Protein backbone atom coordinates (compact mmCIF):
# COMPACT_ATOMS: atom_id res chain seq x y z
CA MET A 1 -41.88 -4.97 9.66
CA ALA A 2 -42.07 -1.50 7.60
CA ILE A 3 -42.29 1.54 9.88
CA PHE A 4 -43.17 4.83 8.96
CA PHE A 5 -41.93 7.73 11.09
CA GLY A 6 -43.50 11.20 11.58
CA LEU A 7 -43.07 13.93 13.88
CA TRP A 8 -45.67 16.87 14.27
CA GLY A 9 -45.06 19.10 17.43
CA ASN A 10 -44.75 16.84 20.50
CA ARG A 11 -46.44 13.94 18.72
CA ILE A 12 -44.78 10.94 17.24
CA ILE A 13 -46.93 8.85 14.82
CA LEU A 14 -45.57 5.33 13.79
CA SER A 15 -47.42 3.40 11.38
CA GLY A 16 -47.09 -0.18 10.32
CA SER A 17 -47.65 -1.73 6.92
CA ASN A 18 -51.36 -1.79 7.83
CA GLU A 19 -52.94 1.14 9.02
CA ASP A 20 -54.85 -0.44 11.86
CA LYS A 21 -51.56 -0.52 13.93
CA LYS A 22 -50.81 3.21 13.69
CA THR A 23 -49.42 4.27 17.24
CA ILE A 24 -49.62 8.11 18.26
CA ILE A 25 -47.13 8.90 21.32
CA THR A 26 -47.12 12.17 22.82
CA PHE A 27 -43.98 13.39 24.54
CA LYS A 28 -43.68 16.46 26.59
CA SER A 29 -41.89 19.46 25.00
CA MET A 30 -38.93 19.22 27.66
CA GLN A 31 -38.66 15.54 27.03
CA LEU A 32 -38.43 15.60 23.43
CA ILE A 33 -35.86 18.56 23.71
CA GLY A 34 -33.80 16.26 25.93
CA LEU A 35 -34.11 13.40 23.56
CA LEU A 36 -32.89 15.27 20.55
CA SER A 37 -30.08 16.96 22.66
CA LEU A 38 -29.14 13.45 23.69
CA GLY A 39 -29.11 12.41 20.30
CA PHE A 40 -27.18 15.50 19.00
CA VAL A 41 -24.40 15.05 21.95
CA ALA A 42 -24.09 11.31 20.97
CA GLY A 43 -23.75 12.22 17.51
CA LEU A 44 -21.12 14.79 18.12
CA LEU A 45 -19.12 12.30 20.06
CA SER A 46 -19.44 9.85 17.59
CA GLY A 47 -18.19 12.33 14.88
CA LEU A 48 -15.36 13.32 17.59
CA PHE A 49 -14.38 9.85 18.70
CA GLY A 50 -16.42 7.04 16.78
CA VAL A 51 -18.28 6.47 19.97
CA GLY A 52 -22.59 6.37 20.32
CA GLY A 53 -24.57 4.28 21.28
CA GLY A 54 -22.97 1.72 24.18
CA LEU A 55 -20.62 4.72 25.78
CA VAL A 56 -23.21 7.93 25.41
CA ILE A 57 -26.79 6.96 24.61
CA VAL A 58 -27.25 3.63 26.89
CA PRO A 59 -25.74 5.44 30.16
CA ALA A 60 -27.89 8.73 29.39
CA LEU A 61 -30.96 6.74 29.00
CA VAL A 62 -30.58 4.86 32.12
CA LEU A 63 -29.69 7.88 34.44
CA PHE A 64 -31.53 10.51 32.95
CA PHE A 65 -34.32 9.24 31.50
CA GLY A 66 -35.23 6.01 33.96
CA MET A 67 -34.87 3.40 31.76
CA THR A 68 -33.44 -0.38 32.62
CA GLN A 69 -30.57 -1.32 31.24
CA GLN A 70 -32.11 -3.76 28.64
CA SER A 71 -34.45 -1.00 27.57
CA ALA A 72 -31.74 1.28 27.04
CA SER A 73 -29.88 -0.90 25.09
CA GLY A 74 -32.72 -1.89 22.88
CA THR A 75 -33.72 2.04 22.26
CA SER A 76 -30.13 2.76 21.73
CA LEU A 77 -30.32 0.27 18.93
CA VAL A 78 -33.38 1.81 17.44
CA ALA A 79 -31.40 5.07 17.33
CA LEU A 80 -28.70 3.27 15.21
CA LEU A 81 -30.94 1.45 13.53
CA LEU A 82 -29.99 1.62 9.71
CA PRO A 83 -28.34 -0.75 9.08
CA VAL A 84 -26.06 -1.36 12.47
CA GLY A 85 -29.26 -2.21 14.93
CA LEU A 86 -31.98 -3.82 12.92
CA LEU A 87 -31.69 -7.01 13.68
CA GLY A 88 -31.14 -6.31 17.34
CA VAL A 89 -34.13 -3.87 17.10
CA VAL A 90 -36.46 -6.69 16.02
CA GLU A 91 -35.10 -9.00 18.64
CA TYR A 92 -35.79 -6.58 21.53
CA TYR A 93 -39.12 -5.67 20.34
CA ARG A 94 -40.03 -9.30 19.71
CA SER A 95 -39.23 -10.48 23.47
CA GLY A 96 -40.99 -7.78 24.90
CA ILE A 97 -38.22 -5.55 26.32
CA ILE A 98 -38.66 -2.58 24.24
CA SER A 99 -42.20 -1.05 22.89
CA MET A 100 -43.23 1.39 20.09
CA GLU A 101 -42.71 3.76 22.76
CA LYS A 102 -39.47 3.06 23.00
CA ILE A 103 -38.60 2.72 19.01
CA SER A 104 -39.83 6.16 18.78
CA ILE A 105 -37.62 7.50 21.63
CA GLY A 106 -34.82 5.85 19.60
CA LEU A 107 -35.83 7.37 16.20
CA ILE A 108 -35.88 11.00 17.84
CA ILE A 109 -32.45 10.09 19.41
CA ALA A 110 -31.48 9.26 15.60
CA VAL A 111 -32.48 12.83 14.46
CA GLY A 112 -29.73 14.33 16.79
CA LEU A 113 -27.36 11.88 15.98
CA PHE A 114 -27.30 12.94 12.06
CA ALA A 115 -26.80 16.49 12.87
CA GLY A 116 -24.06 15.83 15.77
CA ALA A 117 -22.04 13.43 13.96
CA TYR A 118 -21.67 16.12 11.16
CA PHE A 119 -20.56 18.85 13.75
CA GLY A 120 -18.14 16.43 15.81
CA ALA A 121 -16.49 15.44 12.40
CA ILE A 122 -16.07 19.10 11.75
CA ILE A 123 -14.87 19.69 15.38
CA ALA A 124 -12.26 16.73 15.13
CA THR A 125 -10.92 17.53 11.62
CA HIS A 126 -9.78 20.92 13.07
CA ILE A 127 -7.83 20.07 16.33
CA SER A 128 -4.99 18.41 17.07
CA ASN A 129 -4.70 14.42 17.10
CA ASP A 130 -3.06 14.95 20.34
CA LEU A 131 -5.93 16.92 21.81
CA LEU A 132 -8.49 14.87 20.43
CA ARG A 133 -6.81 11.66 22.03
CA LYS A 134 -6.72 13.44 25.41
CA ALA A 135 -10.45 14.76 24.98
CA PHE A 136 -11.47 11.10 24.19
CA ALA A 137 -9.42 9.63 27.35
CA ALA A 138 -11.07 12.21 29.58
CA PHE A 139 -14.54 11.76 28.13
CA MET A 140 -14.20 7.78 28.90
CA GLY A 141 -12.81 8.33 32.44
CA ILE A 142 -15.43 10.87 33.48
CA VAL A 143 -18.35 8.47 32.37
CA ALA A 144 -16.64 5.42 34.15
CA ILE A 145 -16.22 7.25 37.34
CA TYR A 146 -19.78 8.86 37.52
CA LEU A 147 -21.29 5.30 36.42
CA TRP A 148 -19.10 3.53 39.27
CA PHE A 149 -20.43 5.79 41.97
CA LYS A 150 -24.03 6.02 40.59
């Protein structure tokens, strides 16, 4: 399955190996900004703490973007696609849990992950190990409490 991805304005163009299978998905500007921001924050936290998909992206997609848990898991794998989630993405897509729209959302998040991981790593290498450990523990606690009472 070859997928070519293009981002023009607020349109995502996905094209398989066959030109007849082109999918164009239009996002609202704020939705696109939100997804890029999610990717950036997840990348930042990944660079800082070594976390991303399961701890950051999946809860955010469920809580802020209204996805089901399964759809969020599949979409998060798209964002982490190469090479980690490729087989998982194929299975979620094949089983009908995620669509080409969810694949495009995951690819947008991946753009933010790329930049955010870089800046997170810069921050993590410039603060003390003790502060980083405490910040990670606080972050995990906040996420756990928020999800518990949601």
